[in-house]
Amino acid sequence: MTPPPPLGKAARAARSRNKDGVTFDPALDDAELATVRDALARGRWTEARNLLAETGDDWDRRGHRLVVLAEGPSSVAWAREWQLAEPDSPDAAALLACATVFRAVSGKDSPEAARAACLTAARMAPADPSPWLAVLILARRTGTDDERVRAFDQVRARHRDHHHAHHLMAACLAEHQKGDRDDPLHEVYDFAAWAAEQAPADSPLAVLPVVAHAERYRVLARAGVEPGDPARSEHWTSRRARQVMKAAFDWWLEWDVDDNTAGSAHPRRKADLNYLAHAKLHEGRLAEAAALLTRIGPHATRAPWSYPDRDPAKAFRAARRAALGSA
């Protein structure tokens, strides 16, 4: 089998850098992952094998790394090459499952084939939530509400506080829109509050209520209920909004860890900080937004700066100018 060649610069598109230095690299600050992803794009799948073996059962980190590795345009081909060499490898099966999901989401493969690959990977590693995370990513785009809930339940049965899965469910639930206004008792707010309350004190799920608030804004703005410019929306200044933002910011002050040299920090913490900085900016708390943007550094995420249909690089630059006085 001869997989397609890497696409040069396109193979590194996930780590695209705007001319002003804004990066939207899904690897976030995991430099080792970024290096291995680039190696995989060139067909060196053994480095991916070693990285996943080293990750072990750190389920949040494993899911994060699999998703980033799987997004490459040639990842399916190289995962198949790896599986041919090591047919009993659950890591190869998991990477192939995730990569097939991304092909299905982009219309290049069938959802049925992607789901079958996920179930195969799940059978090879019954304790691993990552194949079910892939099923949830697939159901997010191609499935029903029931399929999303079932996939989320399967992830949570294996890792109760799975970060990425909770973010995905918040996005799904936020899209349940009835009527022409926001409901302060909307199910996504209840879901996020419940997840934050049941998680350990140091869990980044403490920020999930802010994520839910941003996901609701995305839905409401696209429906015309809220202004398309978040700076003109009162969505961020309600009493409930201020309460959840204060709780999340207080959690960050107490629990934030920026030293990732020993894998001590959560692999997706920069995603949480982007949501929190976005919320604090539009709440009008510029000093708090500045502290968060400083900690984010170059690790910007497209969501929520792109909400509802904005250029995320321009929105992130504008946030830095407003809070820090620089682009």
Protein backbone atom coordinates (compact mmCIF):
# COMPACT_ATOMS: atom_id res chain seq x y z
CA MET A 1 0.00 0.00 0.00
CA THR A 2 1.35 3.43 -0.97
CA PRO A 3 -0.35 6.28 0.91
CA PRO A 4 -0.63 9.67 -0.77
CA PRO A 5 2.36 11.94 -0.28
CA PRO A 6 2.22 14.73 2.29
CA LEU A 7 0.99 18.04 0.95
CA GLY A 8 3.97 20.15 1.95
CA LYS A 9 2.77 23.32 3.63
CA ALA A 10 -0.81 22.05 3.54
CA ALA A 11 0.22 19.12 5.68
CA ARG A 12 1.08 21.63 8.37
CA ALA A 13 -2.05 23.76 7.93
CA ALA A 14 -3.30 22.83 11.39
CA ARG A 15 -0.40 24.85 12.79
CA SER A 16 -1.11 27.84 10.54
CA ARG A 17 0.35 31.12 11.73
CA ASN A 18 -1.21 34.44 10.83
CA LYS A 19 1.28 37.07 9.66
CA ASP A 20 0.88 38.91 12.99
CA GLY A 21 1.83 35.84 15.04
CA VAL A 22 -1.62 34.51 15.97
CA THR A 23 -1.58 30.72 15.85
CA PHE A 24 -4.53 28.39 15.68
CA ASP A 25 -2.74 25.13 16.29
CA PRO A 26 -5.07 22.45 17.72
CA ALA A 27 -2.02 20.89 19.42
CA LEU A 28 -2.11 23.96 21.71
CA ASP A 29 1.06 24.01 23.82
CA ASP A 30 1.91 20.32 23.41
CA ALA A 31 5.16 20.78 21.49
CA GLU A 32 5.87 17.05 21.41
CA LEU A 33 2.49 16.40 19.84
CA ALA A 34 3.06 19.08 17.19
CA THR A 35 6.41 17.50 16.27
CA VAL A 36 4.93 14.01 16.03
CA ARG A 37 2.00 15.26 13.96
CA ASP A 38 4.42 16.74 11.44
CA ALA A 39 6.35 13.48 11.37
CA LEU A 40 3.13 11.54 10.76
CA ALA A 41 2.30 13.81 7.82
CA ARG A 42 5.61 12.63 6.31
CA GLY A 43 4.74 8.98 6.91
CA ARG A 44 6.78 8.42 10.08
CA TRP A 45 4.03 6.65 12.02
CA THR A 46 6.46 5.03 14.47
CA GLU A 47 6.78 8.38 16.24
CA ALA A 48 3.01 8.47 16.72
CA ARG A 49 3.17 4.92 18.08
CA ASN A 50 5.81 5.94 20.61
CA LEU A 51 3.93 9.07 21.65
CA LEU A 52 0.66 7.21 22.27
CA ALA A 53 2.48 4.46 24.15
CA GLU A 54 4.07 7.07 26.41
CA THR A 55 0.70 8.77 26.97
CA GLY A 56 -0.74 5.58 28.47
CA ASP A 57 -4.08 5.90 30.23
CA ASP A 58 -3.98 9.66 30.72
CA TRP A 59 -7.33 9.69 28.93
CA ASP A 60 -7.71 13.44 28.41
CA ARG A 61 -4.20 13.70 26.99
CA ARG A 62 -4.66 10.55 24.90
CA GLY A 63 -7.91 11.85 23.42
CA HIS A 64 -6.36 15.25 22.69
CA ARG A 65 -3.35 13.70 20.99
CA LEU A 66 -5.37 11.23 18.94
CA VAL A 67 -7.72 13.95 17.70
CA VAL A 68 -4.86 16.23 16.64
CA LEU A 69 -2.94 13.41 14.95
CA ALA A 70 -6.10 12.22 13.18
CA GLU A 71 -6.96 15.57 11.60
CA GLY A 72 -4.12 15.44 9.06
CA PRO A 73 -5.10 14.90 5.42
CA SER A 74 -2.97 11.76 5.12
CA SER A 75 -3.58 10.37 8.61
CA VAL A 76 -5.97 7.63 7.44
CA ALA A 77 -3.41 6.32 4.97
CA TRP A 78 -0.57 6.25 7.48
CA ALA A 79 -2.78 4.75 10.22
CA ARG A 80 -3.66 1.94 7.81
CA GLU A 81 0.03 1.44 7.05
CA TRP A 82 0.68 1.19 10.80
CA GLN A 83 -2.20 -1.23 11.24
CA LEU A 84 -0.88 -3.46 8.46
CA ALA A 85 2.45 -3.63 10.28
CA GLU A 86 0.85 -4.12 13.72
CA PRO A 87 -2.69 -5.48 13.28
CA ASP A 88 -3.14 -6.10 17.01
CA SER A 89 -2.25 -2.54 18.05
CA PRO A 90 -5.16 -0.76 19.78
CA ASP A 91 -3.32 2.53 19.25
CA ALA A 92 -3.23 2.01 15.49
CA ALA A 93 -6.92 1.10 15.52
CA ALA A 94 -7.78 4.19 17.59
CA LEU A 95 -5.87 6.51 15.28
CA LEU A 96 -7.50 4.94 12.23
CA ALA A 97 -10.94 5.32 13.85
CA CYS A 98 -10.41 9.01 14.66
CA ALA A 99 -8.96 9.75 11.24
CA THR A 100 -11.87 8.00 9.51
CA VAL A 101 -14.29 10.08 11.57
CA PHE A 102 -12.71 13.30 10.33
CA ARG A 103 -12.95 12.05 6.76
CA ALA A 104 -16.62 11.25 7.30
CA VAL A 105 -17.30 14.64 8.86
CA SER A 106 -15.75 16.32 5.81
CA GLY A 107 -17.82 14.16 3.43
CA LYS A 108 -14.89 12.07 2.19
CA ASP A 109 -16.02 8.82 3.80
CA SER A 110 -19.30 7.36 5.04
CA PRO A 111 -20.47 7.78 8.63
CA GLU A 112 -21.16 4.03 8.70
CA ALA A 113 -17.53 3.23 7.87
CA ALA A 114 -16.32 5.67 10.49
CA ARG A 115 -18.59 4.26 13.16
CA ALA A 116 -17.51 0.70 12.31
CA ALA A 117 -13.85 1.71 12.69
CA CYS A 118 -14.64 3.27 16.08
CA LEU A 119 -16.42 0.17 17.33
CA THR A 120 -13.51 -2.00 16.20
CA ALA A 121 -11.10 0.20 18.16
CA ALA A 122 -13.41 0.14 21.19
CA ARG A 123 -13.45 -3.67 21.20
CA MET A 124 -9.65 -3.77 21.10
CA ALA A 125 -9.34 -1.48 24.16
CA PRO A 126 -12.54 -1.70 26.23
CA ALA A 127 -11.33 0.70 28.95
CA ASP A 128 -10.29 3.44 26.52
CA PRO A 129 -12.83 6.29 26.11
CA SER A 130 -11.05 7.61 23.00
CA PRO A 131 -12.93 5.51 20.38
CA TRP A 132 -16.19 6.68 21.97
CA LEU A 133 -14.93 10.26 21.85
CA ALA A 134 -14.52 9.71 18.12
CA VAL A 135 -18.10 8.38 17.95
CA LEU A 136 -19.26 11.54 19.73
CA ILE A 137 -17.36 13.76 17.27
CA LEU A 138 -19.07 11.86 14.46
CA ALA A 139 -22.52 12.07 16.07
CA ARG A 140 -21.99 15.79 16.68
CA ARG A 141 -22.03 16.31 12.92
CA THR A 142 -23.98 13.39 11.46
CA GLY A 143 -26.00 11.76 14.26
CA THR A 144 -29.15 12.23 16.27
CA ASP A 145 -29.55 13.60 19.79
CA ASP A 146 -29.93 10.07 21.12
CA GLU A 147 -26.73 8.95 19.40
CA ARG A 148 -24.84 11.88 20.92
CA VAL A 149 -26.10 11.13 24.40
CA ARG A 150 -25.25 7.43 24.08
CA ALA A 151 -21.73 8.23 22.88
CA PHE A 152 -21.21 10.73 25.70
CA ASP A 153 -22.42 8.18 28.24
CA GLN A 154 -19.94 5.64 26.89
CA VAL A 155 -17.08 8.14 27.25
CA ARG A 156 -18.14 9.14 30.74
CA ALA A 157 -18.49 5.51 31.84
CA ARG A 158 -14.75 5.16 31.15
CA HIS A 159 -13.57 8.60 32.27
CA ARG A 160 -16.13 10.55 34.23
CA ASP A 161 -14.54 13.97 33.79
CA HIS A 162 -13.52 13.71 30.14
CA HIS A 163 -12.83 17.30 29.10
CA HIS A 164 -13.32 17.19 25.33
CA ALA A 165 -16.49 15.10 25.60
CA HIS A 166 -18.07 17.64 27.97
CA HIS A 167 -17.20 20.48 25.60
CA LEU A 168 -18.80 18.60 22.71
CA MET A 169 -21.98 17.90 24.67
CA ALA A 170 -22.23 21.54 25.71
CA ALA A 171 -22.05 22.54 22.04
CA CYS A 172 -24.71 19.98 21.11
CA LEU A 173 -27.11 20.92 23.90
CA ALA A 174 -26.71 24.64 23.23
CA GLU A 175 -28.21 24.11 19.78
CA HIS A 176 -31.59 23.12 21.21
CA GLN A 177 -33.40 26.38 20.54
CA LYS A 178 -37.07 26.95 21.30
CA GLY A 179 -38.67 30.32 20.87
CA ASP A 180 -37.08 33.68 20.12
CA ARG A 181 -35.12 34.32 23.31
CA ASP A 182 -32.62 32.80 25.64
CA ASP A 183 -33.97 30.66 28.43
CA PRO A 184 -32.03 31.15 31.69
CA LEU A 185 -33.09 27.61 32.60
CA HIS A 186 -31.87 26.15 29.30
CA GLU A 187 -30.63 22.57 29.57
CA VAL A 188 -27.07 23.45 28.53
CA TYR A 189 -26.72 25.70 31.58
CA ASP A 190 -28.00 22.92 33.83
CA PHE A 191 -25.67 20.41 32.20
CA ALA A 192 -22.62 22.64 32.62
CA ALA A 193 -23.45 23.49 36.24
CA TRP A 194 -23.96 19.81 37.04
CA ALA A 195 -20.65 18.82 35.42
CA ALA A 196 -18.75 21.55 37.25
CA GLU A 197 -20.30 20.62 40.60
CA GLN A 198 -19.61 16.90 40.36
CA ALA A 199 -16.01 17.26 39.12
CA PRO A 200 -13.00 17.30 41.48
CA ALA A 201 -12.01 20.69 42.83
CA ASP A 202 -9.01 20.99 40.50
CA SER A 203 -10.88 19.91 37.35
CA PRO A 204 -11.00 22.37 34.44
CA LEU A 205 -14.67 21.42 34.07
CA ALA A 206 -15.11 24.34 36.48
CA VAL A 207 -14.93 26.50 33.33
CA LEU A 208 -17.65 24.52 31.51
CA PRO A 209 -20.46 26.97 32.51
CA VAL A 210 -18.54 29.69 30.63
CA VAL A 211 -18.19 27.36 27.63
CA ALA A 212 -21.94 26.71 27.73
CA HIS A 213 -22.59 30.46 27.82
CA ALA A 214 -20.45 31.02 24.73
CA GLU A 215 -22.05 28.11 22.86
CA ARG A 216 -25.51 29.54 23.60
CA TYR A 217 -24.37 32.92 22.30
CA ARG A 218 -23.24 31.25 19.04
CA VAL A 219 -26.67 29.69 18.57
CA LEU A 220 -28.64 32.79 19.59
CA ALA A 221 -26.59 35.13 17.39
CA ARG A 222 -26.96 32.89 14.35
CA ALA A 223 -30.71 32.80 15.00
CA GLY A 224 -30.83 36.60 15.15
CA VAL A 225 -31.79 36.66 18.83
CA GLU A 226 -28.49 38.26 19.85
CA PRO A 227 -26.33 40.75 17.89
CA GLY A 228 -23.70 39.22 15.65
CA ASP A 229 -21.07 41.40 17.32
CA PRO A 230 -20.56 40.02 20.85
CA ALA A 231 -19.42 43.47 22.01
CA ARG A 232 -22.95 44.73 21.41
CA SER A 233 -24.65 41.82 23.16
CA GLU A 234 -25.90 41.92 26.75
CA HIS A 235 -25.51 38.13 26.87
CA TRP A 236 -22.25 38.58 28.80
CA THR A 237 -23.50 41.01 31.45
CA SER A 238 -26.56 39.31 32.93
CA ARG A 239 -26.48 38.36 36.59
CA ARG A 240 -26.19 34.66 35.77
CA ALA A 241 -23.38 35.33 33.29
CA ARG A 242 -21.41 37.37 35.81
CA GLN A 243 -21.80 34.66 38.44
CA VAL A 244 -20.48 31.85 36.25
CA MET A 245 -17.62 34.01 34.96
CA LYS A 246 -16.56 35.01 38.46
CA ALA A 247 -16.66 31.40 39.65
CA ALA A 248 -14.56 30.26 36.69
CA PHE A 249 -12.05 33.09 37.06
CA ASP A 250 -11.71 32.42 40.79
CA TRP A 251 -11.09 28.75 39.98
CA TRP A 252 -8.37 29.76 37.53
CA LEU A 253 -6.67 31.96 40.11
CA GLU A 254 -6.60 29.06 42.56
CA TRP A 255 -5.84 26.09 40.35
CA ASP A 256 -4.12 27.23 37.16
CA VAL A 257 -0.85 25.43 36.44
CA ASP A 258 1.37 26.64 33.62
CA ASP A 259 4.28 24.24 34.02
CA ASN A 260 3.67 21.43 31.53
CA THR A 261 7.20 20.04 31.58
CA ALA A 262 6.14 16.98 33.55
CA GLY A 263 2.68 16.68 32.04
CA SER A 264 1.19 18.20 35.19
CA ALA A 265 -1.06 20.69 33.41
CA HIS A 266 -4.24 19.71 31.64
CA PRO A 267 -3.59 19.24 27.90
CA ARG A 268 -6.59 21.36 26.86
CA ARG A 269 -6.32 24.12 29.47
CA LYS A 270 -5.52 26.73 26.82
CA ALA A 271 -8.92 26.06 25.24
CA ASP A 272 -10.60 26.88 28.54
CA LEU A 273 -8.55 30.06 28.92
CA ASN A 274 -9.65 31.24 25.47
CA TYR A 275 -13.31 30.83 26.43
CA LEU A 276 -12.76 32.61 29.73
CA ALA A 277 -10.76 35.48 28.19
CA HIS A 278 -13.45 35.94 25.52
CA ALA A 279 -16.15 36.10 28.19
CA LYS A 280 -14.23 38.47 30.45
CA LEU A 281 -13.50 40.79 27.53
CA HIS A 282 -17.19 41.10 26.63
CA GLU A 283 -18.16 41.39 30.27
CA GLY A 284 -15.98 44.49 30.30
CA ARG A 285 -13.43 43.13 32.79
CA LEU A 286 -10.36 44.16 30.80
CA ALA A 287 -7.78 43.61 33.55
CA GLU A 288 -8.96 40.04 34.03
CA ALA A 289 -9.07 39.50 30.26
CA ALA A 290 -5.51 40.85 30.01
CA ALA A 291 -4.25 38.36 32.61
CA LEU A 292 -5.84 35.50 30.72
CA LEU A 293 -4.61 36.65 27.31
CA THR A 294 -1.10 36.92 28.70
CA ARG A 295 -1.30 33.33 29.92
CA ILE A 296 -2.77 32.18 26.57
CA GLY A 297 0.19 33.65 24.70
CA PRO A 298 0.18 32.48 21.07
CA HIS A 299 -2.15 29.55 21.74
CA ALA A 300 -5.38 31.01 20.39
CA THR A 301 -8.33 28.75 19.59
CA ARG A 302 -10.83 29.44 16.82
CA ALA A 303 -13.73 28.89 19.21
CA PRO A 304 -15.08 31.11 20.67
CA TRP A 305 -13.31 34.00 18.88
CA SER A 306 -15.06 33.00 15.65
CA TYR A 307 -18.54 33.14 17.20
CA PRO A 308 -20.98 33.52 15.62
CA ASP A 309 -19.38 33.94 12.15
CA ARG A 310 -16.35 36.14 12.68
CA ASP A 311 -12.74 36.01 11.56
CA PRO A 312 -11.09 34.52 14.68
CA ALA A 313 -7.68 36.09 13.97
CA LYS A 314 -9.17 39.57 13.69
CA ALA A 315 -11.29 39.01 16.81
CA PHE A 316 -8.32 37.75 18.81
CA ARG A 317 -6.12 40.64 17.66
CA ALA A 318 -8.86 43.08 18.65
CA ALA A 319 -9.09 41.47 22.08
CA ARG A 320 -5.36 41.84 22.63
CA ARG A 321 -5.48 45.48 21.56
CA ALA A 322 -8.38 46.20 23.91
CA ALA A 323 -6.96 44.38 26.92
CA LEU A 324 -3.21 44.62 26.42
CA GLY A 325 -2.83 47.62 24.14
CA SER A 326 -1.10 45.54 21.47
CA ALA A 327 -2.03 43.19 18.63
